[in-house]
Amino acid sequence: MSFTVYLVRHGQTILNRYNRMQGWCDSDLTTLGISQAQQTGKRLAAIKFDHAFHSDTIRATQTCQNILAQNHNLVPAHQESFYFREEGYGYYEGADSGNAWMIIGGPHGCKTFSEIISTYSIEDAKNFAKAADPFDDAEDNAEFWHRLDCGFDLLRSVATDGQNVLLVSHGTTIRSIVARFAPEIDITVSPKNGSVTKLIVDQAEVKVDYFNQSADDFAY
C-alpha cells in the first residue's frame, strides 16, 4: 500500500516579503503569493486529489484554497492540521531572519541559516534555536519530529493505496522532511514559494520523488 503526497510550500506572505522569521506566527499571502498559489494549482490541475490537508495557518489555508480552485476534478474538502505547521521559533518569531540566525548560529561559528545547515545539519539548527531561546519556547529537533511523525500517521490513517494527497506546508518543514528521508538531496537552497515536492508514502517509509519543482513544463 502506498499513496502520493504533493507537498507544496505556501505562497509568499507579508512576513516573507520583509524577511521575517515566520514559524508559528502567521500573515496573509501577498498579491504575489496568491498568484503563486494559483499557478501551482494550474500545474497540478489534472491531478485528482483524494484528500487535501494544510497546516492551521492563514497562509497555508489560502494557498490550499487557491490550488484546489484551479483543479479540473471534483476536489475534496480541505482539512487543517497542527501537525504540519512550520518549525516553532519561539522568542525569534517575527524577528529579522538575518539577525536571528546570526544570534542563533554565532556561538557555533555560523552567521546564516544556510551556513548552519551546511556546516552542521538542519536538525542541529533546530537544537541551536532552542538553546538560544531565552524563553525555551522554540522547538528542538525531537519536539519538531514528534509533531511531524504524528502528521504522517494521520495521512496513513486516511489515505488508501494509489490515492493522491495535497499537503500545503512550509519551507523549513519541507526541507526537514527531505533531509530525513532523502539525505542525498541538497537542501541548502530553500524551496520556492508555491513549489512542489513529491513524496511516495507507505506504512514503512517515505520516499522523495522530487524536490522544489515550480516549472510550468515539469511532469508533476
N, C-alpha and C. Protein backbone atom coordinates (compact mmCIF):
# COMPACT_ATOMS: atom_id res chain seq x y z
N MET A 1 0.84 -1.19 0.00
CA MET A 1 0.00 0.00 0.00
C MET A 1 0.88 1.24 0.00
N SER A 2 0.67 2.11 -0.96
CA SER A 2 1.37 3.38 -0.96
C SER A 2 0.47 4.46 -1.56
N PHE A 3 0.74 5.69 -1.20
CA PHE A 3 -0.01 6.81 -1.74
C PHE A 3 0.97 7.95 -2.01
N THR A 4 0.52 8.92 -2.79
CA THR A 4 1.38 10.02 -3.21
C THR A 4 0.98 11.31 -2.50
N VAL A 5 1.97 12.02 -2.01
CA VAL A 5 1.74 13.32 -1.37
C VAL A 5 2.39 14.41 -2.22
N TYR A 6 1.60 15.37 -2.65
CA TYR A 6 2.10 16.55 -3.33
C TYR A 6 2.26 17.63 -2.26
N LEU A 7 3.50 17.80 -1.82
CA LEU A 7 3.82 18.68 -0.70
C LEU A 7 4.20 20.05 -1.23
N VAL A 8 3.38 21.06 -0.93
CA VAL A 8 3.53 22.39 -1.53
C VAL A 8 3.90 23.40 -0.45
N ARG A 9 4.87 24.25 -0.78
CA ARG A 9 5.14 25.37 0.11
C ARG A 9 4.13 26.48 -0.20
N HIS A 10 3.60 27.09 0.85
CA HIS A 10 2.62 28.18 0.69
C HIS A 10 3.21 29.31 -0.16
N GLY A 11 2.33 30.15 -0.68
CA GLY A 11 2.76 31.32 -1.43
C GLY A 11 3.41 32.37 -0.55
N GLN A 12 4.01 33.35 -1.19
CA GLN A 12 4.68 34.42 -0.45
C GLN A 12 3.72 35.13 0.49
N THR A 13 4.21 35.43 1.70
CA THR A 13 3.41 36.15 2.70
C THR A 13 4.00 37.53 2.95
N ILE A 14 3.27 38.31 3.72
CA ILE A 14 3.76 39.64 4.11
C ILE A 14 5.08 39.52 4.85
N LEU A 15 5.18 38.58 5.79
CA LEU A 15 6.41 38.42 6.55
C LEU A 15 7.54 37.85 5.70
N ASN A 16 7.22 36.97 4.73
CA ASN A 16 8.24 36.52 3.78
C ASN A 16 8.85 37.72 3.05
N ARG A 17 7.98 38.60 2.61
CA ARG A 17 8.43 39.74 1.82
C ARG A 17 9.44 40.59 2.59
N TYR A 18 9.24 40.70 3.90
CA TYR A 18 10.12 41.52 4.72
C TYR A 18 11.21 40.71 5.42
N ASN A 19 11.38 39.44 4.99
CA ASN A 19 12.45 38.58 5.51
C ASN A 19 12.38 38.43 7.03
N ARG A 20 11.17 38.15 7.51
CA ARG A 20 10.95 37.95 8.94
C ARG A 20 10.80 36.47 9.28
N MET A 21 11.21 36.10 10.47
CA MET A 21 11.05 34.72 10.94
C MET A 21 9.56 34.41 11.06
N GLN A 22 9.11 33.38 10.40
CA GLN A 22 7.68 33.07 10.38
C GLN A 22 7.52 31.56 10.56
N GLY A 23 7.37 31.17 11.82
CA GLY A 23 7.15 29.77 12.14
C GLY A 23 5.70 29.59 12.55
N TRP A 24 5.45 29.73 13.84
CA TRP A 24 4.07 29.61 14.32
C TRP A 24 3.32 30.94 14.22
N CYS A 25 4.02 32.07 14.08
CA CYS A 25 3.32 33.32 13.80
C CYS A 25 2.88 33.28 12.34
N ASP A 26 1.98 34.17 11.95
CA ASP A 26 1.31 34.00 10.67
C ASP A 26 1.09 35.34 10.00
N SER A 27 0.88 35.31 8.70
CA SER A 27 0.49 36.50 7.94
C SER A 27 -0.17 36.06 6.65
N ASP A 28 -0.95 36.96 6.07
CA ASP A 28 -1.67 36.67 4.83
C ASP A 28 -0.71 36.55 3.65
N LEU A 29 -1.20 35.92 2.60
CA LEU A 29 -0.48 35.92 1.33
C LEU A 29 -0.47 37.33 0.74
N THR A 30 0.63 37.68 0.10
CA THR A 30 0.68 38.90 -0.70
C THR A 30 -0.03 38.66 -2.03
N THR A 31 -0.15 39.70 -2.82
CA THR A 31 -0.70 39.54 -4.18
C THR A 31 0.14 38.54 -4.97
N LEU A 32 1.46 38.64 -4.82
CA LEU A 32 2.34 37.67 -5.48
C LEU A 32 2.09 36.27 -4.94
N GLY A 33 1.90 36.14 -3.64
CA GLY A 33 1.67 34.83 -3.03
C GLY A 33 0.40 34.17 -3.54
N ILE A 34 -0.66 34.96 -3.74
CA ILE A 34 -1.90 34.43 -4.30
C ILE A 34 -1.66 33.94 -5.73
N SER A 35 -0.92 34.74 -6.49
CA SER A 35 -0.60 34.35 -7.87
C SER A 35 0.23 33.07 -7.91
N GLN A 36 1.17 32.94 -6.99
CA GLN A 36 1.99 31.72 -6.93
C GLN A 36 1.12 30.50 -6.64
N ALA A 37 0.19 30.64 -5.69
CA ALA A 37 -0.71 29.54 -5.37
C ALA A 37 -1.58 29.17 -6.56
N GLN A 38 -2.08 30.17 -7.26
CA GLN A 38 -2.91 29.90 -8.44
C GLN A 38 -2.10 29.20 -9.53
N GLN A 39 -0.86 29.62 -9.72
CA GLN A 39 -0.01 28.98 -10.73
C GLN A 39 0.29 27.53 -10.36
N THR A 40 0.51 27.28 -9.08
CA THR A 40 0.71 25.90 -8.63
C THR A 40 -0.55 25.09 -8.89
N GLY A 41 -1.69 25.68 -8.64
CA GLY A 41 -2.95 25.00 -8.91
C GLY A 41 -3.09 24.62 -10.38
N LYS A 42 -2.67 25.49 -11.26
CA LYS A 42 -2.73 25.20 -12.69
C LYS A 42 -1.78 24.07 -13.06
N ARG A 43 -0.60 24.05 -12.43
CA ARG A 43 0.37 22.97 -12.72
C ARG A 43 -0.14 21.62 -12.25
N LEU A 44 -0.94 21.62 -11.19
CA LEU A 44 -1.46 20.37 -10.62
C LEU A 44 -2.92 20.13 -11.00
N ALA A 45 -3.44 20.90 -11.94
CA ALA A 45 -4.88 20.90 -12.23
C ALA A 45 -5.41 19.56 -12.69
N ALA A 46 -4.59 18.77 -13.36
CA ALA A 46 -5.07 17.49 -13.88
C ALA A 46 -5.03 16.36 -12.86
N ILE A 47 -4.39 16.60 -11.73
CA ILE A 47 -4.26 15.55 -10.71
C ILE A 47 -5.52 15.48 -9.87
N LYS A 48 -6.07 14.30 -9.75
CA LYS A 48 -7.25 14.11 -8.91
C LYS A 48 -6.79 13.89 -7.47
N PHE A 49 -7.11 14.84 -6.62
CA PHE A 49 -6.75 14.73 -5.20
C PHE A 49 -7.86 14.04 -4.43
N ASP A 50 -7.49 13.03 -3.67
CA ASP A 50 -8.45 12.32 -2.84
C ASP A 50 -8.57 12.93 -1.45
N HIS A 51 -7.53 13.61 -1.02
CA HIS A 51 -7.50 14.29 0.27
C HIS A 51 -6.71 15.57 0.12
N ALA A 52 -7.03 16.58 0.92
CA ALA A 52 -6.30 17.84 0.91
C ALA A 52 -6.11 18.32 2.35
N PHE A 53 -4.86 18.50 2.72
CA PHE A 53 -4.51 18.96 4.07
C PHE A 53 -3.64 20.20 3.97
N HIS A 54 -3.69 21.00 5.02
CA HIS A 54 -2.79 22.15 5.15
C HIS A 54 -2.58 22.40 6.64
N SER A 55 -1.52 23.09 6.97
CA SER A 55 -1.30 23.46 8.37
C SER A 55 -2.37 24.44 8.81
N ASP A 56 -2.48 24.63 10.11
CA ASP A 56 -3.52 25.51 10.66
C ASP A 56 -3.06 26.96 10.68
N THR A 57 -2.61 27.44 9.52
CA THR A 57 -2.19 28.83 9.37
C THR A 57 -2.97 29.46 8.23
N ILE A 58 -3.08 30.78 8.29
CA ILE A 58 -3.77 31.51 7.22
C ILE A 58 -3.08 31.29 5.89
N ARG A 59 -1.76 31.36 5.89
CA ARG A 59 -1.00 31.30 4.64
C ARG A 59 -1.15 29.94 3.95
N ALA A 60 -1.16 28.87 4.74
CA ALA A 60 -1.33 27.54 4.15
C ALA A 60 -2.78 27.32 3.70
N THR A 61 -3.73 27.82 4.48
CA THR A 61 -5.15 27.69 4.11
C THR A 61 -5.44 28.41 2.80
N GLN A 62 -4.97 29.65 2.68
CA GLN A 62 -5.21 30.42 1.46
C GLN A 62 -4.55 29.77 0.26
N THR A 63 -3.37 29.23 0.45
CA THR A 63 -2.67 28.56 -0.65
C THR A 63 -3.45 27.32 -1.10
N CYS A 64 -3.88 26.51 -0.14
CA CYS A 64 -4.63 25.30 -0.46
C CYS A 64 -5.92 25.63 -1.21
N GLN A 65 -6.63 26.64 -0.75
CA GLN A 65 -7.88 27.02 -1.40
C GLN A 65 -7.65 27.45 -2.85
N ASN A 66 -6.59 28.21 -3.07
CA ASN A 66 -6.29 28.68 -4.43
C ASN A 66 -5.84 27.55 -5.33
N ILE A 67 -5.12 26.58 -4.79
CA ILE A 67 -4.72 25.42 -5.60
C ILE A 67 -5.94 24.60 -6.01
N LEU A 68 -6.79 24.30 -5.05
CA LEU A 68 -7.96 23.48 -5.35
C LEU A 68 -8.92 24.17 -6.31
N ALA A 69 -8.96 25.51 -6.25
CA ALA A 69 -9.87 26.26 -7.14
C ALA A 69 -9.49 26.10 -8.61
N GLN A 70 -8.25 25.72 -8.89
CA GLN A 70 -7.80 25.56 -10.27
C GLN A 70 -7.95 24.12 -10.77
N ASN A 71 -8.35 23.20 -9.89
CA ASN A 71 -8.32 21.78 -10.26
C ASN A 71 -9.48 21.42 -11.19
N HIS A 72 -9.20 20.49 -12.11
CA HIS A 72 -10.19 20.09 -13.11
C HIS A 72 -11.10 18.97 -12.64
N ASN A 73 -10.87 18.46 -11.43
CA ASN A 73 -11.63 17.33 -10.91
C ASN A 73 -12.50 17.77 -9.74
N LEU A 74 -13.36 16.87 -9.31
CA LEU A 74 -14.12 17.11 -8.08
C LEU A 74 -13.14 17.07 -6.92
N VAL A 75 -13.02 18.17 -6.19
CA VAL A 75 -11.98 18.26 -5.17
C VAL A 75 -12.55 17.92 -3.78
N PRO A 76 -11.71 17.37 -2.90
CA PRO A 76 -12.17 17.06 -1.55
C PRO A 76 -12.22 18.32 -0.69
N ALA A 77 -12.91 18.24 0.43
CA ALA A 77 -12.88 19.32 1.40
C ALA A 77 -11.47 19.39 1.99
N HIS A 78 -10.93 20.60 2.13
CA HIS A 78 -9.59 20.71 2.70
C HIS A 78 -9.67 20.70 4.23
N GLN A 79 -8.67 20.08 4.83
CA GLN A 79 -8.64 19.90 6.28
C GLN A 79 -7.35 20.50 6.84
N GLU A 80 -7.46 21.16 7.99
CA GLU A 80 -6.26 21.72 8.61
C GLU A 80 -5.70 20.78 9.67
N SER A 81 -4.40 20.86 9.88
CA SER A 81 -3.76 20.06 10.90
C SER A 81 -2.57 20.80 11.50
N PHE A 82 -2.58 20.90 12.81
CA PHE A 82 -1.46 21.48 13.56
C PHE A 82 -0.15 20.76 13.27
N TYR A 83 -0.23 19.48 12.96
CA TYR A 83 0.98 18.67 12.79
C TYR A 83 1.89 19.19 11.69
N PHE A 84 1.31 19.86 10.71
CA PHE A 84 2.09 20.28 9.55
C PHE A 84 2.49 21.75 9.59
N ARG A 85 2.48 22.33 10.78
CA ARG A 85 2.98 23.70 10.95
C ARG A 85 4.47 23.78 10.62
N GLU A 86 4.92 25.02 10.45
CA GLU A 86 6.35 25.29 10.34
C GLU A 86 7.01 25.05 11.70
N GLU A 87 8.33 24.94 11.68
CA GLU A 87 9.08 24.90 12.93
C GLU A 87 8.70 26.09 13.80
N GLY A 88 8.56 25.87 15.10
CA GLY A 88 8.29 26.96 16.03
C GLY A 88 9.59 27.63 16.46
N TYR A 89 9.69 28.95 16.23
CA TYR A 89 10.93 29.67 16.54
C TYR A 89 10.92 30.38 17.88
N GLY A 90 9.83 30.24 18.64
CA GLY A 90 9.80 30.80 19.99
C GLY A 90 10.06 32.29 20.03
N TYR A 91 11.04 32.68 20.82
CA TYR A 91 11.40 34.08 21.03
C TYR A 91 11.70 34.80 19.72
N TYR A 92 12.17 34.07 18.71
CA TYR A 92 12.61 34.69 17.47
C TYR A 92 11.48 34.87 16.45
N GLU A 93 10.26 34.47 16.79
CA GLU A 93 9.13 34.67 15.88
C GLU A 93 8.99 36.16 15.53
N GLY A 94 8.92 36.44 14.23
CA GLY A 94 8.72 37.81 13.76
C GLY A 94 9.98 38.64 13.67
N ALA A 95 11.11 38.10 14.14
CA ALA A 95 12.37 38.85 14.11
C ALA A 95 12.94 38.87 12.70
N ASP A 96 13.82 39.82 12.43
CA ASP A 96 14.54 39.84 11.16
C ASP A 96 15.31 38.53 11.03
N SER A 97 15.13 37.82 9.94
CA SER A 97 15.72 36.49 9.80
C SER A 97 17.24 36.51 9.86
N GLY A 98 17.85 37.48 9.17
CA GLY A 98 19.30 37.55 9.17
C GLY A 98 19.87 37.75 10.55
N ASN A 99 19.28 38.67 11.31
CA ASN A 99 19.75 38.93 12.67
C ASN A 99 19.53 37.72 13.58
N ALA A 100 18.35 37.10 13.44
CA ALA A 100 18.03 35.97 14.31
C ALA A 100 18.99 34.81 14.11
N TRP A 101 19.26 34.47 12.83
CA TRP A 101 20.14 33.33 12.59
C TRP A 101 21.59 33.64 12.94
N MET A 102 21.99 34.91 12.91
CA MET A 102 23.34 35.26 13.35
C MET A 102 23.46 35.05 14.86
N ILE A 103 22.42 35.42 15.60
CA ILE A 103 22.44 35.20 17.06
C ILE A 103 22.42 33.71 17.38
N ILE A 104 21.56 32.97 16.67
CA ILE A 104 21.44 31.53 16.91
C ILE A 104 22.71 30.79 16.51
N GLY A 105 23.27 31.16 15.36
CA GLY A 105 24.43 30.44 14.85
C GLY A 105 25.77 30.94 15.35
N GLY A 106 25.82 32.17 15.85
CA GLY A 106 27.08 32.76 16.29
C GLY A 106 27.90 31.90 17.24
N PRO A 107 27.29 31.34 18.29
CA PRO A 107 28.07 30.51 19.21
C PRO A 107 28.67 29.26 18.56
N HIS A 108 28.19 28.93 17.35
CA HIS A 108 28.66 27.74 16.65
C HIS A 108 29.49 28.10 15.41
N GLY A 109 29.87 29.39 15.32
CA GLY A 109 30.73 29.84 14.23
C GLY A 109 30.02 30.04 12.92
N CYS A 110 28.71 30.23 12.95
CA CYS A 110 27.92 30.40 11.72
C CYS A 110 27.13 31.69 11.76
N LYS A 111 26.99 32.33 10.59
CA LYS A 111 26.30 33.61 10.52
C LYS A 111 24.93 33.53 9.87
N THR A 112 24.63 32.44 9.14
CA THR A 112 23.36 32.33 8.42
C THR A 112 22.77 30.94 8.63
N PHE A 113 21.47 30.83 8.32
CA PHE A 113 20.81 29.53 8.39
C PHE A 113 21.46 28.55 7.42
N SER A 114 21.75 29.02 6.20
CA SER A 114 22.37 28.14 5.21
C SER A 114 23.72 27.64 5.70
N GLU A 115 24.48 28.50 6.35
CA GLU A 115 25.78 28.10 6.88
C GLU A 115 25.63 27.07 8.00
N ILE A 116 24.61 27.25 8.82
CA ILE A 116 24.37 26.28 9.91
C ILE A 116 24.08 24.91 9.34
N ILE A 117 23.16 24.83 8.37
CA ILE A 117 22.79 23.51 7.88
C ILE A 117 23.87 22.90 6.99
N SER A 118 24.73 23.75 6.40
CA SER A 118 25.84 23.22 5.62
C SER A 118 26.96 22.70 6.52
N THR A 119 27.24 23.44 7.59
CA THR A 119 28.33 23.07 8.50
C THR A 119 27.91 21.98 9.46
N TYR A 120 26.67 22.05 9.91
CA TYR A 120 26.13 21.08 10.87
C TYR A 120 25.01 20.30 10.18
N SER A 121 23.76 20.62 10.48
CA SER A 121 22.61 19.96 9.84
C SER A 121 21.37 20.77 10.15
N ILE A 122 20.29 20.46 9.45
CA ILE A 122 19.03 21.15 9.73
C ILE A 122 18.48 20.72 11.09
N GLU A 123 18.82 19.52 11.51
CA GLU A 123 18.43 19.06 12.85
C GLU A 123 19.15 19.88 13.92
N ASP A 124 20.45 20.10 13.70
CA ASP A 124 21.21 20.93 14.65
C ASP A 124 20.69 22.35 14.69
N ALA A 125 20.24 22.87 13.54
CA ALA A 125 19.71 24.24 13.50
C ALA A 125 18.54 24.39 14.47
N LYS A 126 17.68 23.39 14.52
CA LYS A 126 16.55 23.43 15.46
C LYS A 126 17.05 23.41 16.91
N ASN A 127 18.00 22.55 17.18
CA ASN A 127 18.52 22.46 18.55
C ASN A 127 19.26 23.74 18.95
N PHE A 128 19.96 24.36 18.00
CA PHE A 128 20.64 25.62 18.29
C PHE A 128 19.62 26.72 18.60
N ALA A 129 18.51 26.75 17.83
CA ALA A 129 17.47 27.76 18.08
C ALA A 129 16.86 27.57 19.46
N LYS A 130 16.62 26.33 19.83
CA LYS A 130 16.07 26.04 21.16
C LYS A 130 17.03 26.52 22.24
N ALA A 131 18.32 26.23 22.08
CA ALA A 131 19.31 26.60 23.09
C ALA A 131 19.46 28.11 23.21
N ALA A 132 19.25 28.84 22.10
CA ALA A 132 19.42 30.29 22.11
C ALA A 132 18.18 31.04 22.57
N ASP A 133 17.05 30.34 22.71
CA ASP A 133 15.78 30.99 23.07
C ASP A 133 15.73 31.22 24.58
N PRO A 134 15.72 32.47 25.02
CA PRO A 134 15.69 32.73 26.48
C PRO A 134 14.41 32.27 27.15
N PHE A 135 13.35 32.05 26.38
CA PHE A 135 12.09 31.57 26.94
C PHE A 135 11.92 30.06 26.78
N ASP A 136 12.85 29.42 26.07
CA ASP A 136 12.81 27.97 25.86
C ASP A 136 11.56 27.53 25.11
N ASP A 137 11.01 28.40 24.26
CA ASP A 137 9.77 28.09 23.54
C ASP A 137 10.01 27.54 22.14
N ALA A 138 11.19 27.75 21.57
CA ALA A 138 11.47 27.24 20.23
C ALA A 138 11.45 25.71 20.26
N GLU A 139 11.05 25.11 19.13
CA GLU A 139 11.04 23.65 19.03
C GLU A 139 12.44 23.12 18.76
N ASP A 140 12.87 22.11 19.51
CA ASP A 140 14.09 21.42 19.14
C ASP A 140 13.76 20.31 18.16
N ASN A 141 14.76 19.59 17.70
CA ASN A 141 14.53 18.60 16.66
C ASN A 141 13.60 17.48 17.12
N ALA A 142 13.77 17.03 18.36
CA ALA A 142 12.91 15.95 18.87
C ALA A 142 11.46 16.39 18.96
N GLU A 143 11.21 17.61 19.42
CA GLU A 143 9.84 18.12 19.52
C GLU A 143 9.23 18.28 18.13
N PHE A 144 10.01 18.82 17.21
CA PHE A 144 9.53 19.00 15.84
C PHE A 144 9.13 17.67 15.23
N TRP A 145 9.98 16.65 15.36
CA TRP A 145 9.69 15.37 14.70
C TRP A 145 8.64 14.54 15.41
N HIS A 146 8.46 14.78 16.68
CA HIS A 146 7.31 14.14 17.36
C HIS A 146 6.02 14.62 16.71
N ARG A 147 5.95 15.91 16.43
CA ARG A 147 4.77 16.50 15.79
C ARG A 147 4.61 16.00 14.36
N LEU A 148 5.71 16.05 13.59
CA LEU A 148 5.62 15.64 12.18
C LEU A 148 5.32 14.15 12.03
N ASP A 149 5.86 13.32 12.90
CA ASP A 149 5.55 11.89 12.84
C ASP A 149 4.06 11.65 13.07
N CYS A 150 3.46 12.45 13.96
CA CYS A 150 2.00 12.36 14.15
C CYS A 150 1.28 12.75 12.87
N GLY A 151 1.83 13.71 12.14
CA GLY A 151 1.23 14.11 10.87
C GLY A 151 1.27 13.00 9.84
N PHE A 152 2.39 12.32 9.73
CA PHE A 152 2.47 11.20 8.79
C PHE A 152 1.55 10.06 9.21
N ASP A 153 1.41 9.86 10.51
CA ASP A 153 0.46 8.85 10.99
C ASP A 153 -0.96 9.22 10.58
N LEU A 154 -1.29 10.51 10.64
CA LEU A 154 -2.61 10.98 10.22
C LEU A 154 -2.84 10.67 8.75
N LEU A 155 -1.86 10.98 7.91
CA LEU A 155 -2.01 10.71 6.48
C LEU A 155 -2.20 9.22 6.22
N ARG A 156 -1.41 8.40 6.91
CA ARG A 156 -1.52 6.95 6.72
C ARG A 156 -2.88 6.41 7.18
N SER A 157 -3.50 7.12 8.10
CA SER A 157 -4.79 6.66 8.63
C SER A 157 -5.96 6.96 7.69
N VAL A 158 -5.77 7.90 6.75
CA VAL A 158 -6.88 8.30 5.88
C VAL A 158 -6.66 7.92 4.41
N ALA A 159 -5.41 7.89 3.96
CA ALA A 159 -5.13 7.63 2.55
C ALA A 159 -5.05 6.12 2.29
N THR A 160 -5.56 5.70 1.16
CA THR A 160 -5.51 4.30 0.77
C THR A 160 -4.63 4.13 -0.46
N ASP A 161 -4.42 2.92 -0.84
CA ASP A 161 -3.49 2.58 -1.92
C ASP A 161 -3.82 3.33 -3.21
N GLY A 162 -2.80 3.99 -3.77
CA GLY A 162 -2.95 4.68 -5.04
C GLY A 162 -3.56 6.06 -4.97
N GLN A 163 -3.92 6.54 -3.79
CA GLN A 163 -4.56 7.85 -3.69
C GLN A 163 -3.53 8.97 -3.74
N ASN A 164 -4.04 10.18 -4.04
CA ASN A 164 -3.22 11.39 -4.09
C ASN A 164 -3.65 12.35 -2.99
N VAL A 165 -2.67 12.89 -2.31
CA VAL A 165 -2.92 13.81 -1.21
C VAL A 165 -2.24 15.14 -1.51
N LEU A 166 -2.98 16.22 -1.43
CA LEU A 166 -2.40 17.56 -1.48
C LEU A 166 -2.10 17.98 -0.05
N LEU A 167 -0.87 18.43 0.21
CA LEU A 167 -0.48 18.87 1.55
C LEU A 167 0.27 20.19 1.43
N VAL A 168 -0.29 21.25 1.99
CA VAL A 168 0.35 22.57 1.95
C VAL A 168 1.01 22.82 3.29
N SER A 169 2.32 23.05 3.25
CA SER A 169 3.08 23.24 4.48
C SER A 169 4.08 24.38 4.28
N HIS A 170 5.29 24.24 4.82
CA HIS A 170 6.19 25.37 5.00
C HIS A 170 7.62 25.02 4.62
N GLY A 171 8.43 26.06 4.38
CA GLY A 171 9.76 25.88 3.83
C GLY A 171 10.69 25.00 4.65
N THR A 172 10.86 25.33 5.93
CA THR A 172 11.78 24.55 6.75
C THR A 172 11.21 23.16 7.04
N THR A 173 9.91 23.06 7.15
CA THR A 173 9.29 21.74 7.33
C THR A 173 9.56 20.86 6.12
N ILE A 174 9.41 21.42 4.93
CA ILE A 174 9.68 20.64 3.71
C ILE A 174 11.14 20.24 3.64
N ARG A 175 12.04 21.17 3.92
CA ARG A 175 13.47 20.84 3.90
C ARG A 175 13.80 19.76 4.94
N SER A 176 13.15 19.83 6.09
CA SER A 176 13.41 18.84 7.14
C SER A 176 12.96 17.45 6.72
N ILE A 177 11.80 17.38 6.06
CA ILE A 177 11.29 16.09 5.57
C ILE A 177 12.25 15.51 4.53
N VAL A 178 12.69 16.34 3.60
CA VAL A 178 13.60 15.87 2.56
C VAL A 178 14.94 15.44 3.16
N ALA A 179 15.45 16.21 4.11
CA ALA A 179 16.73 15.86 4.74
C ALA A 179 16.66 14.52 5.46
N ARG A 180 15.52 14.24 6.06
CA ARG A 180 15.38 12.98 6.80
C ARG A 180 15.25 11.78 5.87
N PHE A 181 14.45 11.91 4.83
CA PHE A 181 14.12 10.75 4.01
C PHE A 181 14.92 10.66 2.70
N ALA A 182 15.60 11.74 2.33
CA ALA A 182 16.46 11.71 1.14
C ALA A 182 17.68 12.58 1.40
N PRO A 183 18.56 12.14 2.30
CA PRO A 183 19.70 12.98 2.70
C PRO A 183 20.66 13.31 1.58
N GLU A 184 20.56 12.61 0.46
CA GLU A 184 21.44 12.90 -0.68
C GLU A 184 21.02 14.17 -1.42
N ILE A 185 19.81 14.67 -1.18
CA ILE A 185 19.32 15.88 -1.86
C ILE A 185 19.84 17.12 -1.14
N ASP A 186 20.29 18.10 -1.90
CA ASP A 186 20.81 19.35 -1.35
C ASP A 186 19.65 20.25 -0.92
N ILE A 187 19.58 20.53 0.36
CA ILE A 187 18.50 21.39 0.88
C ILE A 187 19.01 22.76 1.29
N THR A 188 20.24 23.11 0.89
CA THR A 188 20.76 24.41 1.29
C THR A 188 20.01 25.55 0.62
N VAL A 189 19.37 25.27 -0.51
CA VAL A 189 18.52 26.26 -1.18
C VAL A 189 17.08 26.02 -0.74
N SER A 190 16.45 27.06 -0.23
CA SER A 190 15.08 26.93 0.27
C SER A 190 14.11 26.63 -0.86
N PRO A 191 13.10 25.77 -0.63
CA PRO A 191 12.06 25.57 -1.65
C PRO A 191 11.34 26.89 -1.93
N LYS A 192 11.06 27.12 -3.19
CA LYS A 192 10.39 28.36 -3.58
C LYS A 192 8.95 28.37 -3.09
N ASN A 193 8.42 29.57 -2.86
CA ASN A 193 7.00 29.68 -2.53
C ASN A 193 6.19 29.11 -3.68
N GLY A 194 5.27 28.19 -3.36
CA GLY A 194 4.45 27.56 -4.38
C GLY A 194 5.07 26.35 -5.03
N SER A 195 6.30 26.00 -4.65
CA SER A 195 6.96 24.84 -5.26
C SER A 195 6.35 23.53 -4.76
N VAL A 196 6.58 22.47 -5.54
CA VAL A 196 6.03 21.16 -5.24
C VAL A 196 7.16 20.17 -4.95
N THR A 197 7.00 19.41 -3.88
CA THR A 197 7.88 18.29 -3.55
C THR A 197 7.00 17.05 -3.49
N LYS A 198 7.37 16.01 -4.21
CA LYS A 198 6.52 14.82 -4.30
C LYS A 198 7.07 13.69 -3.43
N LEU A 199 6.19 13.15 -2.59
CA LEU A 199 6.54 12.04 -1.70
C LEU A 199 5.71 10.81 -2.06
N ILE A 200 6.32 9.64 -1.93
CA ILE A 200 5.61 8.37 -2.02
C ILE A 200 5.67 7.75 -0.63
N VAL A 201 4.51 7.56 -0.02
CA VAL A 201 4.43 7.14 1.37
C VAL A 201 3.76 5.77 1.47
N ASP A 202 4.38 4.89 2.23
CA ASP A 202 3.71 3.63 2.57
C ASP A 202 3.76 3.46 4.09
N GLN A 203 3.40 2.29 4.58
CA GLN A 203 3.33 2.10 6.03
C GLN A 203 4.70 2.08 6.68
N ALA A 204 5.75 1.82 5.90
CA ALA A 204 7.08 1.66 6.48
C ALA A 204 8.01 2.84 6.22
N GLU A 205 7.82 3.54 5.12
CA GLU A 205 8.81 4.55 4.77
C GLU A 205 8.21 5.68 3.93
N VAL A 206 9.03 6.69 3.73
CA VAL A 206 8.70 7.83 2.89
C VAL A 206 9.81 7.98 1.86
N LYS A 207 9.45 8.06 0.58
CA LYS A 207 10.43 8.28 -0.48
C LYS A 207 10.17 9.64 -1.11
N VAL A 208 11.25 10.33 -1.42
CA VAL A 208 11.14 11.63 -2.08
C VAL A 208 11.36 11.43 -3.57
N ASP A 209 10.32 11.68 -4.36
CA ASP A 209 10.40 11.52 -5.82
C ASP A 209 11.10 12.72 -6.45
N TYR A 210 10.72 13.93 -6.01
CA TYR A 210 11.42 15.14 -6.45
C TYR A 210 11.21 16.24 -5.42
N PHE A 211 12.03 17.28 -5.50
CA PHE A 211 12.06 18.36 -4.52
C PHE A 211 12.06 19.71 -5.21
N ASN A 212 11.20 20.62 -4.73
CA ASN A 212 11.28 22.04 -5.08
C ASN A 212 11.11 22.30 -6.57
N GLN A 213 10.04 21.78 -7.12
CA GLN A 213 9.76 21.98 -8.55
C GLN A 213 8.69 23.05 -8.74
N SER A 214 8.95 23.96 -9.68
CA SER A 214 7.95 25.01 -9.93
C SER A 214 7.88 25.41 -11.40
N ALA A 215 8.49 24.63 -12.27
CA ALA A 215 8.44 24.95 -13.70
C ALA A 215 7.11 24.56 -14.30
N ASP A 216 6.61 25.36 -15.22
CA ASP A 216 5.32 25.06 -15.85
C ASP A 216 5.37 23.80 -16.70
N ASP A 217 6.53 23.49 -17.27
CA ASP A 217 6.63 22.35 -18.17
C ASP A 217 7.14 21.08 -17.48
N PHE A 218 7.20 21.06 -16.15
CA PHE A 218 7.65 19.89 -15.43
C PHE A 218 6.53 18.85 -15.38
N ALA A 219 6.90 17.56 -15.41
CA ALA A 219 5.89 16.47 -15.36
C ALA A 219 5.56 16.17 -13.91
N TYR A 220 4.57 16.83 -13.36
CA TYR A 220 4.20 16.67 -11.96
C TYR A 220 3.47 15.35 -11.73
